[in-house]
Every structure is written in structure tokens, then in C-alpha cells.
Amino acid sequence: MKALILFVGWCILFVLCWPLALLALILLPIIWLLMLPFRLLGIMLGGMFALIQAIIFLPARLLGWRKHDAQELKASL
């Protein structure tokens, strides 16, 4: 669906201002290539934060702590 909306938007831009539409068509792959390292960095940082969170919560998981247990305890107080 996103591709269809993008294509229709580009067609409207082509009708209204064709030089700008052609410039966007040429620059889109270049911008995508420039943004690729930042995407990879974001994926890597997300994985590292997930690893750190897993390491921090490992003792609680080994002791059998569950989120719903804490909610039940809180509700009973």
C-alpha cells in the first residue's frame, strides 16, 4: 500500500512539476544509500540494548520473577 501511495504521489508531482519529480527519482537511491549505515547502526544499537537488558534481568528470570506476579502482589496490597 505504501508503494502505491508513493507512486501516485510521484505521478501527481510529475504532472505538477516534472523536473522536480525526475530529480526526486534520481536522488531517491542516493539518499537511500546514504541512510543505510545509519539504519544498520540503529539495528545494532537496538540489539545491544536488548542484550544488556537480558543480562540485567537474568537474575530475576532465574529466580522466577514474572511481571504478572508483581501486578497481583500490587493489587492485593
PDB file of N, CA and C in Angstrom:
ATOM      1  N   MET A   1       0.817  -1.187   0.000  1.00  0.00           N
ATOM      2  CA  MET A   1       0.000   0.000   0.000  1.00  0.00           C
ATOM      3  C   MET A   1       0.866   1.258   0.000  1.00  0.00           C
ATOM      4  N   LYS A   2       2.006   1.205   0.733  1.00  0.00           N
ATOM      5  CA  LYS A   2       2.899   2.355   0.760  1.00  0.00           C
ATOM      6  C   LYS A   2       3.477   2.636  -0.630  1.00  0.00           C
ATOM      7  N   ALA A   3       3.786   1.557  -1.346  1.00  0.00           N
ATOM      8  CA  ALA A   3       4.357   1.736  -2.678  1.00  0.00           C
ATOM      9  C   ALA A   3       3.348   2.381  -3.618  1.00  0.00           C
ATOM     10  N   LEU A   4       2.085   2.012  -3.491  1.00  0.00           N
ATOM     11  CA  LEU A   4       1.045   2.596  -4.337  1.00  0.00           C
ATOM     12  C   LEU A   4       0.867   4.079  -4.028  1.00  0.00           C
ATOM     13  N   ILE A   5       0.840   4.442  -2.752  1.00  0.00           N
ATOM     14  CA  ILE A   5       0.711   5.846  -2.366  1.00  0.00           C
ATOM     15  C   ILE A   5       1.922   6.641  -2.840  1.00  0.00           C
ATOM     16  N   LEU A   6       3.111   6.074  -2.710  1.00  0.00           N
ATOM     17  CA  LEU A   6       4.320   6.729  -3.190  1.00  0.00           C
ATOM     18  C   LEU A   6       4.272   6.931  -4.695  1.00  0.00           C
ATOM     19  N   PHE A   7       3.818   5.930  -5.424  1.00  0.00           N
ATOM     20  CA  PHE A   7       3.739   6.032  -6.879  1.00  0.00           C
ATOM     21  C   PHE A   7       2.715   7.079  -7.315  1.00  0.00           C
ATOM     22  N   VAL A   8       1.555   7.078  -6.675  1.00  0.00           N
ATOM     23  CA  VAL A   8       0.523   8.070  -7.016  1.00  0.00           C
ATOM     24  C   VAL A   8       1.017   9.472  -6.677  1.00  0.00           C
ATOM     25  N   GLY A   9       1.681   9.625  -5.538  1.00  0.00           N
ATOM     26  CA  GLY A   9       2.248  10.924  -5.175  1.00  0.00           C
ATOM     27  C   GLY A   9       3.287  11.381  -6.176  1.00  0.00           C
ATOM     28  N   TRP A  10       4.113  10.457  -6.641  1.00  0.00           N
ATOM     29  CA  TRP A  10       5.113  10.812  -7.638  1.00  0.00           C
ATOM     30  C   TRP A  10       4.461  11.191  -8.959  1.00  0.00           C
ATOM     31  N   CYS A  11       3.391  10.491  -9.341  1.00  0.00           N
ATOM     32  CA  CYS A  11       2.669  10.834 -10.577  1.00  0.00           C
ATOM     33  C   CYS A  11       2.065  12.234 -10.484  1.00  0.00           C
ATOM     34  N   ILE A  12       1.501  12.574  -9.337  1.00  0.00           N
ATOM     35  CA  ILE A  12       0.946  13.919  -9.154  1.00  0.00           C
ATOM     36  C   ILE A  12       2.060  14.957  -9.220  1.00  0.00           C
ATOM     37  N   LEU A  13       3.191  14.671  -8.585  1.00  0.00           N
ATOM     38  CA  LEU A  13       4.330  15.573  -8.655  1.00  0.00           C
ATOM     39  C   LEU A  13       4.842  15.699 -10.081  1.00  0.00           C
ATOM     40  N   PHE A  14       4.821  14.608 -10.833  1.00  0.00           N
ATOM     41  CA  PHE A  14       5.278  14.628 -12.226  1.00  0.00           C
ATOM     42  C   PHE A  14       4.386  15.518 -13.083  1.00  0.00           C
ATOM     43  N   VAL A  15       3.083  15.471 -12.817  1.00  0.00           N
ATOM     44  CA  VAL A  15       2.150  16.313 -13.582  1.00  0.00           C
ATOM     45  C   VAL A  15       2.330  17.782 -13.200  1.00  0.00           C
ATOM     46  N   LEU A  16       2.516  18.056 -11.916  1.00  0.00           N
ATOM     47  CA  LEU A  16       2.623  19.446 -11.462  1.00  0.00           C
ATOM     48  C   LEU A  16       3.987  20.062 -11.759  1.00  0.00           C
ATOM     49  N   CYS A  17       5.043  19.307 -11.531  1.00  0.00           N
ATOM     50  CA  CYS A  17       6.397  19.842 -11.715  1.00  0.00           C
ATOM     51  C   CYS A  17       7.328  18.700 -12.109  1.00  0.00           C
ATOM     52  N   TRP A  18       7.412  18.426 -13.403  1.00  0.00           N
ATOM     53  CA  TRP A  18       8.152  17.254 -13.852  1.00  0.00           C
ATOM     54  C   TRP A  18       9.658  17.317 -13.571  1.00  0.00           C
ATOM     55  N   PRO A  19      10.331  18.500 -13.606  1.00  0.00           N
ATOM     56  CA  PRO A  19      11.766  18.480 -13.264  1.00  0.00           C
ATOM     57  C   PRO A  19      12.031  18.034 -11.824  1.00  0.00           C
ATOM     58  N   LEU A  20      11.170  18.483 -10.914  1.00  0.00           N
ATOM     59  CA  LEU A  20      11.329  18.088  -9.514  1.00  0.00           C
ATOM     60  C   LEU A  20      11.065  16.596  -9.326  1.00  0.00           C
ATOM     61  N   ALA A  21      10.092  16.070 -10.069  1.00  0.00           N
ATOM     62  CA  ALA A  21       9.786  14.644  -9.985  1.00  0.00           C
ATOM     63  C   ALA A  21      10.952  13.802 -10.509  1.00  0.00           C
ATOM     64  N   LEU A  22      11.555  14.236 -11.607  1.00  0.00           N
ATOM     65  CA  LEU A  22      12.712  13.496 -12.137  1.00  0.00           C
ATOM     66  C   LEU A  22      13.912  13.606 -11.205  1.00  0.00           C
ATOM     67  N   LEU A  23      14.093  14.774 -10.593  1.00  0.00           N
ATOM     68  CA  LEU A  23      15.181  14.939  -9.629  1.00  0.00           C
ATOM     69  C   LEU A  23      14.972  14.022  -8.425  1.00  0.00           C
ATOM     70  N   ALA A  24      13.716  13.927  -7.955  1.00  0.00           N
ATOM     71  CA  ALA A  24      13.414  13.031  -6.836  1.00  0.00           C
ATOM     72  C   ALA A  24      13.668  11.579  -7.231  1.00  0.00           C
ATOM     73  N   LEU A  25      13.337  11.233  -8.460  1.00  0.00           N
ATOM     74  CA  LEU A  25      13.549   9.867  -8.937  1.00  0.00           C
ATOM     75  C   LEU A  25      15.033   9.517  -8.988  1.00  0.00           C
ATOM     76  N   ILE A  26      15.859  10.496  -9.316  1.00  0.00           N
ATOM     77  CA  ILE A  26      17.311  10.263  -9.393  1.00  0.00           C
ATOM     78  C   ILE A  26      17.942  10.258  -8.004  1.00  0.00           C
ATOM     79  N   LEU A  27      17.485  11.160  -7.132  1.00  0.00           N
ATOM     80  CA  LEU A  27      18.112  11.295  -5.808  1.00  0.00           C
ATOM     81  C   LEU A  27      17.660  10.257  -4.789  1.00  0.00           C
ATOM     82  N   LEU A  28      16.509   9.634  -5.000  1.00  0.00           N
ATOM     83  CA  LEU A  28      15.993   8.672  -4.025  1.00  0.00           C
ATOM     84  C   LEU A  28      16.965   7.508  -3.762  1.00  0.00           C
ATOM     85  N   PRO A  29      17.538   6.860  -4.786  1.00  0.00           N
ATOM     86  CA  PRO A  29      18.501   5.778  -4.471  1.00  0.00           C
ATOM     87  C   PRO A  29      19.766   6.273  -3.780  1.00  0.00           C
ATOM     88  N   ILE A  30      20.195   7.489  -4.118  1.00  0.00           N
ATOM     89  CA  ILE A  30      21.404   8.041  -3.489  1.00  0.00           C
ATOM     90  C   ILE A  30      21.142   8.320  -2.015  1.00  0.00           C
ATOM     91  N   ILE A  31      20.005   8.900  -1.706  1.00  0.00           N
ATOM     92  CA  ILE A  31      19.645   9.180  -0.306  1.00  0.00           C
ATOM     93  C   ILE A  31      19.487   7.873   0.464  1.00  0.00           C
ATOM     94  N   TRP A  32      18.892   6.854  -0.178  1.00  0.00           N
ATOM     95  CA  TRP A  32      18.729   5.554   0.488  1.00  0.00           C
ATOM     96  C   TRP A  32      20.097   4.960   0.827  1.00  0.00           C
ATOM     97  N   LEU A  33      21.056   5.067  -0.104  1.00  0.00           N
ATOM     98  CA  LEU A  33      22.391   4.538   0.163  1.00  0.00           C
ATOM     99  C   LEU A  33      23.098   5.313   1.273  1.00  0.00           C
ATOM    100  N   LEU A  34      22.874   6.629   1.333  1.00  0.00           N
ATOM    101  CA  LEU A  34      23.490   7.423   2.397  1.00  0.00           C
ATOM    102  C   LEU A  34      22.887   7.107   3.761  1.00  0.00           C
ATOM    103  N   MET A  35      21.616   6.751   3.809  1.00  0.00           N
ATOM    104  CA  MET A  35      20.951   6.456   5.080  1.00  0.00           C
ATOM    105  C   MET A  35      21.163   5.016   5.547  1.00  0.00           C
ATOM    106  N   LEU A  36      21.636   4.147   4.684  1.00  0.00           N
ATOM    107  CA  LEU A  36      21.810   2.736   5.023  1.00  0.00           C
ATOM    108  C   LEU A  36      22.729   2.495   6.227  1.00  0.00           C
ATOM    109  N   PRO A  37      23.887   3.169   6.321  1.00  0.00           N
ATOM    110  CA  PRO A  37      24.725   2.937   7.523  1.00  0.00           C
ATOM    111  C   PRO A  37      24.028   3.325   8.818  1.00  0.00           C
ATOM    112  N   PHE A  38      23.211   4.382   8.785  1.00  0.00           N
ATOM    113  CA  PHE A  38      22.501   4.798   9.999  1.00  0.00           C
ATOM    114  C   PHE A  38      21.441   3.773  10.385  1.00  0.00           C
ATOM    115  N   ARG A  39      20.801   3.158   9.399  1.00  0.00           N
ATOM    116  CA  ARG A  39      19.843   2.089   9.694  1.00  0.00           C
ATOM    117  C   ARG A  39      20.552   0.899  10.334  1.00  0.00           C
ATOM    118  N   LEU A  40      21.690   0.532   9.774  1.00  0.00           N
ATOM    119  CA  LEU A  40      22.444  -0.590  10.334  1.00  0.00           C
ATOM    120  C   LEU A  40      22.919  -0.272  11.747  1.00  0.00           C
ATOM    121  N   LEU A  41      23.319   0.974  11.981  1.00  0.00           N
ATOM    122  CA  LEU A  41      23.730   1.381  13.325  1.00  0.00           C
ATOM    123  C   LEU A  41      22.557   1.298  14.294  1.00  0.00           C
ATOM    124  N   GLY A  42      21.381   1.708  13.855  1.00  0.00           N
ATOM    125  CA  GLY A  42      20.191   1.617  14.697  1.00  0.00           C
ATOM    126  C   GLY A  42      19.838   0.182  15.031  1.00  0.00           C
ATOM    127  N   ILE A  43      19.941  -0.713  14.056  1.00  0.00           N
ATOM    128  CA  ILE A  43      19.665  -2.131  14.295  1.00  0.00           C
ATOM    129  C   ILE A  43      20.672  -2.702  15.289  1.00  0.00           C
ATOM    130  N   MET A  44      21.942  -2.313  15.115  1.00  0.00           N
ATOM    131  CA  MET A  44      22.981  -2.813  16.003  1.00  0.00           C
ATOM    132  C   MET A  44      22.782  -2.302  17.436  1.00  0.00           C
ATOM    133  N   LEU A  45      22.450  -1.015  17.586  1.00  0.00           N
ATOM    134  CA  LEU A  45      22.230  -0.467  18.921  1.00  0.00           C
ATOM    135  C   LEU A  45      20.999  -1.080  19.581  1.00  0.00           C
ATOM    136  N   GLY A  46      19.957  -1.334  18.801  1.00  0.00           N
ATOM    137  CA  GLY A  46      18.776  -1.995  19.354  1.00  0.00           C
ATOM    138  C   GLY A  46      19.102  -3.389  19.861  1.00  0.00           C
ATOM    139  N   GLY A  47      19.921  -4.107  19.119  1.00  0.00           N
ATOM    140  CA  GLY A  47      20.345  -5.435  19.560  1.00  0.00           C
ATOM    141  C   GLY A  47      21.221  -5.382  20.793  1.00  0.00           C
ATOM    142  N   MET A  48      22.110  -4.389  20.860  1.00  0.00           N
ATOM    143  CA  MET A  48      22.976  -4.270  22.035  1.00  0.00           C
ATOM    144  C   MET A  48      22.168  -3.921  23.274  1.00  0.00           C
ATOM    145  N   PHE A  49      21.182  -3.016  23.136  1.00  0.00           N
ATOM    146  CA  PHE A  49      20.346  -2.681  24.282  1.00  0.00           C
ATOM    147  C   PHE A  49      19.508  -3.875  24.725  1.00  0.00           C
ATOM    148  N   ALA A  50      19.040  -4.675  23.786  1.00  0.00           N
ATOM    149  CA  ALA A  50      18.288  -5.881  24.143  1.00  0.00           C
ATOM    150  C   ALA A  50      19.190  -6.874  24.884  1.00  0.00           C
ATOM    151  N   LEU A  51      20.441  -6.990  24.446  1.00  0.00           N
ATOM    152  CA  LEU A  51      21.393  -7.873  25.126  1.00  0.00           C
ATOM    153  C   LEU A  51      21.685  -7.384  26.545  1.00  0.00           C
ATOM    154  N   ILE A  52      21.898  -6.079  26.696  1.00  0.00           N
ATOM    155  CA  ILE A  52      22.160  -5.521  28.029  1.00  0.00           C
ATOM    156  C   ILE A  52      20.953  -5.720  28.938  1.00  0.00           C
ATOM    157  N   GLN A  53      19.754  -5.515  28.404  1.00  0.00           N
ATOM    158  CA  GLN A  53      18.544  -5.723  29.204  1.00  0.00           C
ATOM    159  C   GLN A  53      18.414  -7.188  29.615  1.00  0.00           C
ATOM    160  N   ALA A  54      18.727  -8.105  28.709  1.00  0.00           N
ATOM    161  CA  ALA A  54      18.647  -9.530  29.035  1.00  0.00           C
ATOM    162  C   ALA A  54      19.652  -9.899  30.118  1.00  0.00           C
ATOM    163  N   ILE A  55      20.841  -9.300  30.053  1.00  0.00           N
ATOM    164  CA  ILE A  55      21.859  -9.596  31.064  1.00  0.00           C
ATOM    165  C   ILE A  55      21.447  -9.035  32.420  1.00  0.00           C
ATOM    166  N   ILE A  56      20.887  -7.821  32.423  1.00  0.00           N
ATOM    167  CA  ILE A  56      20.483  -7.196  33.687  1.00  0.00           C
ATOM    168  C   ILE A  56      19.334  -7.964  34.335  1.00  0.00           C
ATOM    169  N   PHE A  57      18.367  -8.419  33.544  1.00  0.00           N
ATOM    170  CA  PHE A  57      17.204  -9.105  34.089  1.00  0.00           C
ATOM    171  C   PHE A  57      17.404 -10.617  34.253  1.00  0.00           C
ATOM    172  N   LEU A  58      18.580 -11.130  33.921  1.00  0.00           N
ATOM    173  CA  LEU A  58      18.817 -12.566  34.035  1.00  0.00           C
ATOM    174  C   LEU A  58      18.655 -13.087  35.459  1.00  0.00           C
ATOM    175  N   PRO A  59      19.199 -12.421  36.476  1.00  0.00           N
ATOM    176  CA  PRO A  59      19.000 -12.958  37.837  1.00  0.00           C
ATOM    177  C   PRO A  59      17.529 -13.040  38.234  1.00  0.00           C
ATOM    178  N   ALA A  60      16.747 -12.039  37.877  1.00  0.00           N
ATOM    179  CA  ALA A  60      15.325 -12.065  38.215  1.00  0.00           C
ATOM    180  C   ALA A  60      14.614 -13.187  37.466  1.00  0.00           C
ATOM    181  N   ARG A  61      14.992 -13.418  36.248  1.00  0.00           N
ATOM    182  CA  ARG A  61      14.357 -14.504  35.483  1.00  0.00           C
ATOM    183  C   ARG A  61      14.751 -15.863  36.031  1.00  0.00           C
ATOM    184  N   LEU A  62      15.995 -15.966  36.494  1.00  0.00           N
ATOM    185  CA  LEU A  62      16.421 -17.243  37.075  1.00  0.00           C
ATOM    186  C   LEU A  62      15.696 -17.524  38.390  1.00  0.00           C
ATOM    187  N   LEU A  63      15.352 -16.473  39.130  1.00  0.00           N
ATOM    188  CA  LEU A  63      14.620 -16.645  40.382  1.00  0.00           C
ATOM    189  C   LEU A  63      13.123 -16.823  40.166  1.00  0.00           C
ATOM    190  N   GLY A  64      12.673 -16.703  38.940  1.00  0.00           N
ATOM    191  CA  GLY A  64      11.279 -16.978  38.632  1.00  0.00           C
ATOM    192  C   GLY A  64      10.360 -15.780  38.733  1.00  0.00           C
ATOM    193  N   TRP A  65      10.890 -14.563  38.697  1.00  0.00           N
ATOM    194  CA  TRP A  65      10.052 -13.376  38.762  1.00  0.00           C
ATOM    195  C   TRP A  65       9.294 -13.200  37.455  1.00  0.00           C
ATOM    196  N   ARG A  66       8.022 -12.882  37.558  1.00  0.00           N
ATOM    197  CA  ARG A  66       7.186 -12.616  36.392  1.00  0.00           C
ATOM    198  C   ARG A  66       6.477 -11.295  36.594  1.00  0.00           C
ATOM    199  N   LYS A  67       6.208 -10.595  35.529  1.00  0.00           N
ATOM    200  CA  LYS A  67       5.562  -9.297  35.626  1.00  0.00           C
ATOM    201  C   LYS A  67       4.153  -9.427  36.202  1.00  0.00           C
ATOM    202  N   HIS A  68       3.429 -10.465  35.799  1.00  0.00           N
ATOM    203  CA  HIS A  68       2.066 -10.616  36.299  1.00  0.00           C
ATOM    204  C   HIS A  68       2.054 -10.935  37.792  1.00  0.00           C
ATOM    205  N   ASP A  69       3.110 -11.564  38.306  1.00  0.00           N
ATOM    206  CA  ASP A  69       3.203 -11.811  39.751  1.00  0.00           C
ATOM    207  C   ASP A  69       3.294 -10.497  40.503  1.00  0.00           C
ATOM    208  N   ALA A  70       4.082  -9.561  39.985  1.00  0.00           N
ATOM    209  CA  ALA A  70       4.227  -8.269  40.638  1.00  0.00           C
ATOM    210  C   ALA A  70       2.917  -7.485  40.586  1.00  0.00           C
ATOM    211  N   GLN A  71       2.169  -7.615  39.507  1.00  0.00           N
ATOM    212  CA  GLN A  71       0.895  -6.927  39.398  1.00  0.00           C
ATOM    213  C   GLN A  71      -0.117  -7.514  40.372  1.00  0.00           C
ATOM    214  N   GLU A  72      -0.102  -8.851  40.545  1.00  0.00           N
ATOM    215  CA  GLU A  72      -1.010  -9.479  41.504  1.00  0.00           C
ATOM    216  C   GLU A  72      -0.664  -9.062  42.929  1.00  0.00           C
ATOM    217  N   LEU A  73       0.629  -8.967  43.228  1.00  0.00           N
ATOM    218  CA  LEU A  73       1.070  -8.551  44.548  1.00  0.00           C
ATOM    219  C   LEU A  73       0.648  -7.114  44.811  1.00  0.00           C
ATOM    220  N   LYS A  74       0.788  -6.278  43.814  1.00  0.00           N
ATOM    221  CA  LYS A  74       0.414  -4.875  43.952  1.00  0.00           C
ATOM    222  C   LYS A  74      -1.102  -4.737  44.136  1.00  0.00           C
ATOM    223  N   ALA A  75      -1.867  -5.553  43.435  1.00  0.00           N
ATOM    224  CA  ALA A  75      -3.322  -5.485  43.537  1.00  0.00           C
ATOM    225  C   ALA A  75      -3.799  -5.972  44.909  1.00  0.00           C
ATOM    226  N   SER A  76      -3.093  -6.922  45.511  1.00  0.00           N
ATOM    227  CA  SER A  76      -3.522  -7.466  46.797  1.00  0.00           C
ATOM    228  C   SER A  76      -3.206  -6.510  47.946  1.00  0.00           C
ATOM    229  N   LEU A  77      -2.271  -5.585  47.740  1.00  0.00           N
ATOM    230  CA  LEU A  77      -1.908  -4.618  48.796  1.00  0.00           C
ATOM    231  C   LEU A  77      -2.875  -3.523  48.828  1.00  0.00           C
TER     232      LEU A  77
END
